Amino acid sequence: MNTPQPQSDSRLAELDVEILLRFGLPNPGLHRSTLFGDGAVAAAITVDRLGVMPRALTFLGEVVRAGGARFAAALPEPLPGPAAAVARGWLEAASMVVQGPQGDQLVARWLDAVAALLALRVTHREATS
């Protein structure tokens, strides 16, 4: 078993989250672990840099649970401001591979994971400033 190596925010932010969603959502195992691990961290870093609050991602997860990833992708502003385009890309990538409510639940769980990681980043930043 390999021990994960620490990675910088800059390196993680370079990950293609849309590709990770397309491979991780339909494929349990390593692909999904990567999506929920490095992919969720990369997504949290990206939206953190755009000023998104964790509650916006939590709300988006609820929208996905209620209406599905395709519905959420069609929203004019799935996340506020410049993060809207980023979120739309994620949701469109997810929509390519998820089928039915179980797939939508998985997307919503991933958004919840991103929100939790973002909340940790915000809390840590506030505690150290």
Protein backbone atom coordinates (compact mmCIF):
# COMPACT_ATOMS: atom_id res chain seq x y z
CA MET A 1 0.00 0.00 0.00
CA ASN A 2 1.36 3.40 -0.96
CA THR A 3 1.37 6.25 1.50
CA PRO A 4 -0.18 9.37 -0.02
CA GLN A 5 2.30 12.16 -0.54
CA PRO A 6 1.39 15.66 0.59
CA GLN A 7 0.52 18.03 -2.23
CA SER A 8 0.38 21.80 -2.33
CA ASP A 9 -2.82 23.75 -2.90
CA SER A 10 -1.45 24.92 -6.24
CA ARG A 11 -0.80 21.38 -7.42
CA LEU A 12 -4.19 20.12 -6.27
CA ALA A 13 -5.97 23.07 -7.88
CA GLU A 14 -4.51 21.98 -11.23
CA LEU A 15 -6.44 18.70 -11.14
CA ASP A 16 -9.20 18.36 -13.71
CA VAL A 17 -12.20 17.90 -11.42
CA GLU A 18 -14.55 17.36 -14.38
CA ILE A 19 -12.50 14.35 -15.54
CA LEU A 20 -12.40 13.01 -11.98
CA LEU A 21 -16.20 13.28 -11.83
CA ARG A 22 -16.64 11.48 -15.16
CA PHE A 23 -14.46 8.58 -14.07
CA GLY A 24 -15.13 8.55 -10.32
CA LEU A 25 -18.91 8.65 -10.25
CA PRO A 26 -19.57 5.52 -12.33
CA ASN A 27 -16.52 3.56 -11.13
CA PRO A 28 -16.29 2.47 -7.51
CA GLY A 29 -12.82 1.80 -6.21
CA LEU A 30 -9.72 3.82 -6.96
CA HIS A 31 -11.40 6.32 -9.30
CA ARG A 32 -14.13 7.12 -6.79
CA SER A 33 -11.62 7.31 -3.92
CA THR A 34 -9.60 9.81 -5.93
CA LEU A 35 -12.75 11.84 -6.67
CA PHE A 36 -13.77 12.00 -3.01
CA GLY A 37 -10.16 12.55 -1.89
CA ASP A 38 -7.93 14.71 -4.05
CA GLY A 39 -10.83 15.72 -6.29
CA ALA A 40 -12.91 17.09 -3.42
CA VAL A 41 -9.89 18.96 -2.05
CA ALA A 42 -9.16 20.41 -5.49
CA ALA A 43 -12.78 21.53 -5.83
CA ALA A 44 -12.74 23.11 -2.35
CA ILE A 45 -9.54 25.01 -3.18
CA THR A 46 -11.03 26.23 -6.45
CA VAL A 47 -14.25 27.58 -4.96
CA ASP A 48 -12.42 28.94 -1.92
CA ARG A 49 -10.30 31.06 -4.25
CA LEU A 50 -13.54 32.33 -5.82
CA GLY A 51 -14.99 33.36 -2.45
CA VAL A 52 -17.72 30.73 -2.18
CA MET A 53 -19.05 29.93 1.28
CA PRO A 54 -19.60 26.30 2.32
CA ARG A 55 -23.35 26.82 2.70
CA ALA A 56 -23.62 27.53 -1.04
CA LEU A 57 -22.23 24.07 -1.83
CA THR A 58 -24.48 22.48 0.77
CA PHE A 59 -27.47 24.19 -0.82
CA LEU A 60 -26.36 23.06 -4.28
CA GLY A 61 -26.17 19.50 -2.96
CA GLU A 62 -29.78 19.79 -1.80
CA VAL A 63 -30.80 21.08 -5.23
CA VAL A 64 -29.11 18.04 -6.80
CA ARG A 65 -30.91 15.73 -4.37
CA ALA A 66 -34.26 17.33 -5.19
CA GLY A 67 -33.98 17.86 -8.94
CA GLY A 68 -30.94 15.93 -10.13
CA ALA A 69 -27.57 16.91 -11.53
CA ARG A 70 -28.98 17.79 -14.96
CA PHE A 71 -31.51 20.15 -13.44
CA ALA A 72 -28.85 21.82 -11.30
CA ALA A 73 -26.51 22.17 -14.29
CA ALA A 74 -29.21 24.12 -16.13
CA LEU A 75 -29.53 26.71 -13.36
CA PRO A 76 -28.34 30.18 -14.39
CA GLU A 77 -26.19 30.44 -11.27
CA PRO A 78 -25.63 27.10 -9.47
CA LEU A 79 -23.04 28.85 -7.28
CA PRO A 80 -22.73 32.61 -6.81
CA GLY A 81 -20.62 34.85 -9.01
CA PRO A 82 -17.67 33.54 -11.00
CA ALA A 83 -18.02 30.12 -9.37
CA ALA A 84 -21.21 29.56 -11.38
CA ALA A 85 -19.25 28.50 -14.47
CA VAL A 86 -17.07 26.16 -12.42
CA ALA A 87 -20.07 24.50 -10.77
CA ARG A 88 -21.88 24.21 -14.09
CA GLY A 89 -18.86 22.40 -15.54
CA TRP A 90 -18.83 19.97 -12.63
CA LEU A 91 -22.56 19.34 -12.89
CA GLU A 92 -22.46 18.88 -16.65
CA ALA A 93 -19.60 16.39 -16.29
CA ALA A 94 -21.56 14.52 -13.63
CA SER A 95 -24.70 14.56 -15.79
CA MET A 96 -22.83 12.71 -18.54
CA VAL A 97 -22.36 9.65 -16.36
CA VAL A 98 -24.97 9.54 -13.57
CA GLN A 99 -28.22 7.75 -14.09
CA GLY A 100 -31.19 7.99 -11.81
CA PRO A 101 -31.60 9.10 -8.22
CA GLN A 102 -28.73 6.97 -6.89
CA GLY A 103 -26.27 8.74 -9.18
CA ASP A 104 -27.68 12.11 -8.19
CA GLN A 105 -27.30 11.16 -4.52
CA LEU A 106 -23.64 10.36 -5.15
CA VAL A 107 -23.12 13.78 -6.77
CA ALA A 108 -24.83 15.44 -3.80
CA ARG A 109 -22.63 13.49 -1.37
CA TRP A 110 -19.56 14.67 -3.26
CA LEU A 111 -20.77 18.28 -3.05
CA ASP A 112 -21.28 17.77 0.70
CA ALA A 113 -17.68 16.53 0.96
CA VAL A 114 -16.44 19.60 -0.91
CA ALA A 115 -18.50 21.83 1.41
CA ALA A 116 -17.02 20.13 4.49
CA LEU A 117 -13.48 20.59 3.21
CA LEU A 118 -14.20 24.21 2.33
CA ALA A 119 -15.58 24.78 5.83
CA LEU A 120 -12.36 23.40 7.31
CA ARG A 121 -10.30 25.74 5.15
CA VAL A 122 -12.40 28.76 6.17
CA THR A 123 -12.33 27.83 9.86
CA HIS A 124 -8.57 27.28 9.82
CA ARG A 125 -7.95 30.55 8.01
CA GLU A 126 -10.11 32.46 10.50
CA ALA A 127 -8.39 30.79 13.46
CA THR A 128 -4.91 31.63 12.20
CA SER A 129 -5.53 35.22 11.16
